[in-house]
Every structure is written in C-alpha cells, then in structure tokens.
C-alpha cells in the first residue's frame, strides 16, 4: 500500500496547525513552558515576616556564591586586555536583562576613558557592526545565547576585522561567534513571583571585567576617573564619598 500522510484534524487545522501530531507537540510544549507558572498559582504565599528580604537576598547570595566558584580569572583577564586596547567597544543586548546590562556596561567602561556604545535595537546592532574595523570590539550579552541580532552583529564585526567577546551559555549561537567566551549559565530557584536573580550573575561578570580592565589600563584610567570626580564636585551640591557619577 502506498504511503499517505496522516489525516488532518479539523480541530488542529482550525488553529492553523498541520494535524493532530503538531497539535500534540504544541500542547506538550505549552505544558512544559507554562506548567510551572500554573503550578505556582497553588502555592501559599505568606506576606510579611521578612519573606521578601530572605527570598531576594538569598537568591542573590546563592547566585554570586556559585559564580565565585565557576568564574575563570584567566578568561576574564584575556577579555579585559582585549577591551583595554579597543578603539571602539560596541555592546549589544536585547530583552529586559541583557539590554539593561549593556547600558550598565557602557556606564562602567566610559569612566576608564574608553569609547563605548550600548545598543539594544536589532537593526542598529547590525548596522553599527557593518562599520567596524580592526580596532572595534563587539561585546554580546545574552541570557539564552540565542539572540539572533546580537549573534549577527558579532559575526558582522568579525567579517570586517573586529574582535568579539560574548557573555552567553556554552554551545549557544552567540558563543559560536565569540573570540572570547565568558560562560554564563542561567539558574533560578523556581519562585516565579520573584524577579530573576540570574541577572546579578551577568552584572557581576561585567563588574569583574571593569575591574580588570581598569587595572590593565592603570594610571591613565585613574586620571579619567579623577577628572570625572572633580567635574561633579561642586561643593554642597555633591557629596565627595558618593560613587563615581552614580
């Protein structure tokens, strides 16, 4: 008997699907992705009793403690040495976490006298990468490592002679186009009421890079920071012990 495709289910086709097989696949996927949120609705939440303090601080402490054991100083130092010699650093991230940390990266690194531009728009990421040269470094940030515009921007930068750094999961599309990969693994505690603690891991990695880059640049970086501090010190309007420009 010649092979014939499985019958199309009227219910599935009404949903724009090919048949019952695709319907079952989509249902299983929805259960896997959204089931945890549905289960969390049945969880009893006790307000007060410093619950939020323990949940948030405990999540941050656990994330940072794990990072302390897994972060590789030699990889971070190699990235810092690359960044310290850049003519231009383009920092790319999309989404609620990576785009925010890309901006934070810009704030940390311009203080060192480096030219840094953060960008969260996919089209602009590709366009700015297209005018890269050998003095350009593209830094890609992604929790998943699957942000296509970010991976494209790094690949385009390399095409025109620039170098690339990624903070992303091992084996991800973004990791594949990085000259230096700073591994990032997304971990959470299953409390979906609480904002993600993993964003502090990426923030801590950026801070480590900023520290090592400043130390690599040495006195010239300190001079830039001194000038920033002096520019903000206007007597009573500015408290000198405050962080640099924050």
Protein backbone atom coordinates (compact mmCIF):
# COMPACT_ATOMS: atom_id res chain seq x y z
CA UNK A 1 0.00 0.00 0.00
CA UNK A 2 1.48 3.40 -0.93
CA UNK A 3 2.25 5.77 1.95
CA UNK A 4 -0.18 8.58 2.58
CA UNK A 5 0.11 11.45 5.07
CA UNK A 6 -1.85 11.23 8.32
CA UNK A 7 -5.33 12.76 8.16
CA UNK A 8 -5.60 16.41 9.04
CA UNK A 9 -7.62 17.09 12.16
CA UNK A 10 -10.35 19.72 11.63
CA UNK A 11 -9.67 20.96 15.17
CA UNK A 12 -5.95 21.29 14.53
CA UNK A 13 -6.32 22.95 11.14
CA UNK A 14 -8.73 25.47 12.64
CA UNK A 15 -5.79 26.52 14.81
CA UNK A 16 -3.50 26.83 11.80
CA UNK A 17 -1.67 23.55 12.53
CA UNK A 18 -0.83 20.72 10.14
CA UNK A 19 -2.57 17.98 12.10
CA UNK A 20 -3.02 16.18 15.40
CA UNK A 21 0.69 15.38 15.67
CA UNK A 22 1.64 19.06 15.61
CA UNK A 23 -1.25 19.81 17.98
CA UNK A 24 0.09 17.28 20.49
CA UNK A 25 3.59 18.72 20.13
CA UNK A 26 2.37 22.25 20.76
CA UNK A 27 0.29 21.14 23.76
CA UNK A 28 3.29 19.36 25.29
CA UNK A 29 5.45 22.42 24.69
CA UNK A 30 2.88 24.72 26.30
CA UNK A 31 2.67 22.44 29.32
CA UNK A 32 6.46 22.32 29.67
CA UNK A 33 6.87 26.08 29.32
CA UNK A 34 3.83 27.32 31.22
CA UNK A 35 3.08 24.47 33.59
CA UNK A 36 5.42 25.76 36.28
CA UNK A 37 3.58 29.07 36.36
CA UNK A 38 0.23 27.29 36.65
CA UNK A 39 1.57 25.13 39.48
CA UNK A 40 2.88 28.22 41.25
CA UNK A 41 -0.64 29.64 41.43
CA UNK A 42 -1.47 26.98 44.02
CA UNK A 43 1.49 27.89 46.23
CA UNK A 44 0.61 29.53 49.52
CA UNK A 45 2.33 32.88 49.92
CA UNK A 46 2.86 34.27 53.41
CA UNK A 47 3.36 38.00 53.32
CA UNK A 48 5.43 39.74 55.97
CA UNK A 49 7.92 38.03 58.29
CA UNK A 50 10.79 39.43 56.17
CA UNK A 51 9.76 36.99 53.44
CA UNK A 52 10.79 39.30 50.58
CA UNK A 53 14.11 40.11 52.26
CA UNK A 54 15.01 36.44 52.63
CA UNK A 55 13.82 35.47 49.14
CA UNK A 56 15.60 38.24 47.25
CA UNK A 57 18.81 38.37 49.29
CA UNK A 58 19.02 34.59 49.47
CA UNK A 59 18.68 34.30 45.70
CA UNK A 60 21.39 36.89 45.07
CA UNK A 61 23.73 35.33 47.63
CA UNK A 62 23.34 31.88 46.08
CA UNK A 63 23.95 33.17 42.54
CA UNK A 64 27.05 35.14 43.49
CA UNK A 65 28.46 32.30 45.63
CA UNK A 66 28.12 29.90 42.69
CA UNK A 67 29.75 32.41 40.34
CA UNK A 68 32.69 32.79 42.68
CA UNK A 69 33.40 29.09 42.25
CA UNK A 70 32.97 28.95 38.47
CA UNK A 71 34.28 32.27 37.10
CA UNK A 72 37.63 31.84 35.35
CA UNK A 73 40.05 34.65 36.09
CA UNK A 74 42.26 33.91 33.08
CA UNK A 75 39.33 34.22 30.67
CA UNK A 76 38.17 37.46 32.25
CA UNK A 77 41.72 38.84 32.15
CA UNK A 78 42.08 37.98 28.46
CA UNK A 79 38.85 39.83 27.72
CA UNK A 80 39.94 42.81 29.83
CA UNK A 81 43.25 43.05 27.99
CA UNK A 82 41.40 43.00 24.67
CA UNK A 83 38.97 45.70 25.84
CA UNK A 84 41.76 47.94 27.16
CA UNK A 85 43.19 48.32 23.65
CA UNK A 86 39.90 48.94 21.83
CA UNK A 87 39.31 51.97 19.67
CA UNK A 88 35.56 51.40 19.95
CA UNK A 89 33.51 48.97 22.05
CA UNK A 90 30.03 48.15 20.78
CA UNK A 91 27.93 46.43 23.44
CA UNK A 92 24.88 44.52 22.24
CA UNK A 93 21.98 43.08 24.21
CA UNK A 94 18.24 42.66 23.70
CA UNK A 95 15.45 41.93 26.16
CA UNK A 96 14.81 43.11 29.67
CA UNK A 97 18.04 41.87 31.26
CA UNK A 98 20.69 41.94 28.54
CA UNK A 99 19.74 45.38 27.19
CA UNK A 100 19.88 46.85 30.70
CA UNK A 101 23.27 45.29 31.39
CA UNK A 102 24.58 46.52 28.03
CA UNK A 103 23.79 50.06 29.20
CA UNK A 104 25.40 49.29 32.56
CA UNK A 105 28.50 48.07 30.68
CA UNK A 106 28.68 51.42 28.92
CA UNK A 107 28.43 53.28 32.24
CA UNK A 108 31.23 51.20 33.79
CA UNK A 109 33.67 51.45 30.89
CA UNK A 110 33.42 55.02 29.61
CA UNK A 111 34.77 56.13 33.01
CA UNK A 112 38.04 54.43 32.08
CA UNK A 113 38.49 56.64 29.02
CA UNK A 114 37.23 54.04 26.56
CA UNK A 115 34.76 54.77 23.78
CA UNK A 116 31.73 52.56 24.45
CA UNK A 117 28.30 52.46 22.80
CA UNK A 118 25.45 50.25 24.03
CA UNK A 119 22.73 49.25 21.59
CA UNK A 120 19.52 47.25 22.07
CA UNK A 121 17.92 47.61 18.62
CA UNK A 122 18.41 44.68 16.28
CA UNK A 123 18.68 46.64 13.03
CA UNK A 124 21.04 49.21 14.55
CA UNK A 125 23.17 46.44 16.02
CA UNK A 126 23.76 45.03 12.55
CA UNK A 127 24.36 48.48 11.04
CA UNK A 128 26.92 49.56 13.63
CA UNK A 129 28.70 46.23 13.25
CA UNK A 130 28.93 46.81 9.49
CA UNK A 131 31.17 49.85 10.01
CA UNK A 132 33.56 48.03 12.35
CA UNK A 133 37.27 47.86 11.72
CA UNK A 134 40.28 46.19 13.31
CA UNK A 135 40.11 48.49 16.34
CA UNK A 136 36.47 47.58 17.10
CA UNK A 137 35.41 45.11 19.76
CA UNK A 138 31.84 43.83 19.86
CA UNK A 139 30.55 42.55 23.19
CA UNK A 140 27.42 40.39 23.04
CA UNK A 141 25.30 39.74 26.12
CA UNK A 142 22.56 37.12 26.20
CA UNK A 143 20.96 35.01 28.92
CA UNK A 144 19.95 32.39 26.35
CA UNK A 145 22.72 32.92 23.81
CA UNK A 146 20.05 32.72 21.11
CA UNK A 147 19.54 36.43 20.40
CA UNK A 148 19.87 36.43 16.62
CA UNK A 149 20.57 40.13 16.10
CA UNK A 150 23.33 40.02 18.72
CA UNK A 151 24.95 36.95 17.18
CA UNK A 152 24.64 38.55 13.73
CA UNK A 153 26.29 41.75 14.98
CA UNK A 154 29.26 39.83 16.35
CA UNK A 155 29.60 37.82 13.14
CA UNK A 156 29.49 41.01 11.04
CA UNK A 157 32.09 42.66 13.28
CA UNK A 158 34.45 39.72 12.73
CA UNK A 159 33.86 39.92 8.96
CA UNK A 160 35.30 43.45 8.97
CA UNK A 161 38.29 42.65 11.15
CA UNK A 162 36.98 43.40 14.62
CA UNK A 163 37.17 41.15 17.67
CA UNK A 164 34.33 39.72 19.70
CA UNK A 165 33.52 38.87 23.31
CA UNK A 166 30.36 37.13 24.49
CA UNK A 167 28.79 36.54 27.88
CA UNK A 168 26.49 33.67 26.96
CA UNK A 169 25.85 29.95 27.53
CA UNK A 170 28.39 27.44 26.24
CA UNK A 171 27.28 25.90 22.95
CA UNK A 172 24.87 28.71 22.08
CA UNK A 173 24.78 30.54 18.71
CA UNK A 174 26.27 33.62 20.31
CA UNK A 175 29.10 31.61 21.87
CA UNK A 176 29.97 30.25 18.43
CA UNK A 177 30.89 33.69 17.05
CA UNK A 178 32.90 34.89 20.06
CA UNK A 179 36.68 35.15 20.05
CA UNK A 180 36.47 35.07 23.85
CA UNK A 181 33.54 33.40 25.58
CA UNK A 182 32.76 34.21 29.21
CA UNK A 183 30.43 31.31 30.07
CA UNK A 184 27.05 32.13 31.54
CA UNK A 185 24.56 29.58 32.86
CA UNK A 186 21.01 30.64 33.68
CA UNK A 187 19.82 29.23 37.01
CA UNK A 188 16.72 30.02 39.04
CA UNK A 189 15.02 28.75 42.18
CA UNK A 190 11.53 28.25 40.75
CA UNK A 191 9.92 31.19 42.58
CA UNK A 192 8.12 32.87 39.69
CA UNK A 193 6.77 35.66 41.86
CA UNK A 194 10.33 36.88 42.45
CA UNK A 195 12.34 38.76 39.80
CA UNK A 196 15.21 36.78 38.32
CA UNK A 197 18.32 36.53 40.48
CA UNK A 198 20.42 35.40 37.50
CA UNK A 199 20.72 38.95 36.22
CA UNK A 200 23.05 39.65 39.15
CA UNK A 201 25.39 36.98 37.79
CA UNK A 202 25.77 38.81 34.48
CA UNK A 203 26.09 42.13 36.31
CA UNK A 204 28.85 40.68 38.50
CA UNK A 205 30.71 39.42 35.41
CA UNK A 206 30.59 42.93 33.93
CA UNK A 207 31.94 44.35 37.20
CA UNK A 208 34.79 41.82 37.14
CA UNK A 209 35.63 42.86 33.59
CA UNK A 210 35.50 46.55 34.56
CA UNK A 211 37.88 45.99 37.49
CA UNK A 212 40.39 44.00 35.42
CA UNK A 213 40.22 46.48 32.53
CA UNK A 214 40.82 49.41 34.88
CA UNK A 215 43.81 47.61 36.41
CA UNK A 216 45.15 46.78 32.95
CA UNK A 217 44.92 50.45 31.88
CA UNK A 218 46.44 51.58 35.18
CA UNK A 219 47.13 55.30 35.90
CA UNK A 220 45.51 56.62 32.69
CA UNK A 221 42.18 55.12 33.82
CA UNK A 222 42.58 56.65 37.28
CA UNK A 223 43.23 60.04 35.70
CA UNK A 224 39.98 59.83 33.72
CA UNK A 225 38.07 58.89 36.86
CA UNK A 226 39.72 61.72 38.79
CA UNK A 227 38.57 64.20 36.17
CA UNK A 228 35.02 62.84 36.35
CA UNK A 229 35.02 63.14 40.13
CA UNK A 230 36.31 66.71 40.03
CA UNK A 231 33.73 67.69 37.41
CA UNK A 232 30.95 66.55 39.77
CA UNK A 233 32.32 68.13 42.94
CA UNK A 234 30.54 71.45 43.26
CA UNK A 235 30.70 71.98 46.98
CA UNK A 236 27.45 71.49 48.87
CA UNK A 237 25.68 70.06 45.82
CA UNK A 238 27.85 66.95 45.67
CA UNK A 239 29.00 64.61 48.41
CA UNK A 240 32.55 63.53 47.54
CA UNK A 241 32.34 59.98 49.05
CA UNK A 242 29.46 59.07 46.72
CA UNK A 243 30.12 56.59 43.87
CA UNK A 244 31.66 57.95 40.70
CA UNK A 245 28.82 59.60 38.84
CA UNK A 246 26.09 57.36 40.26
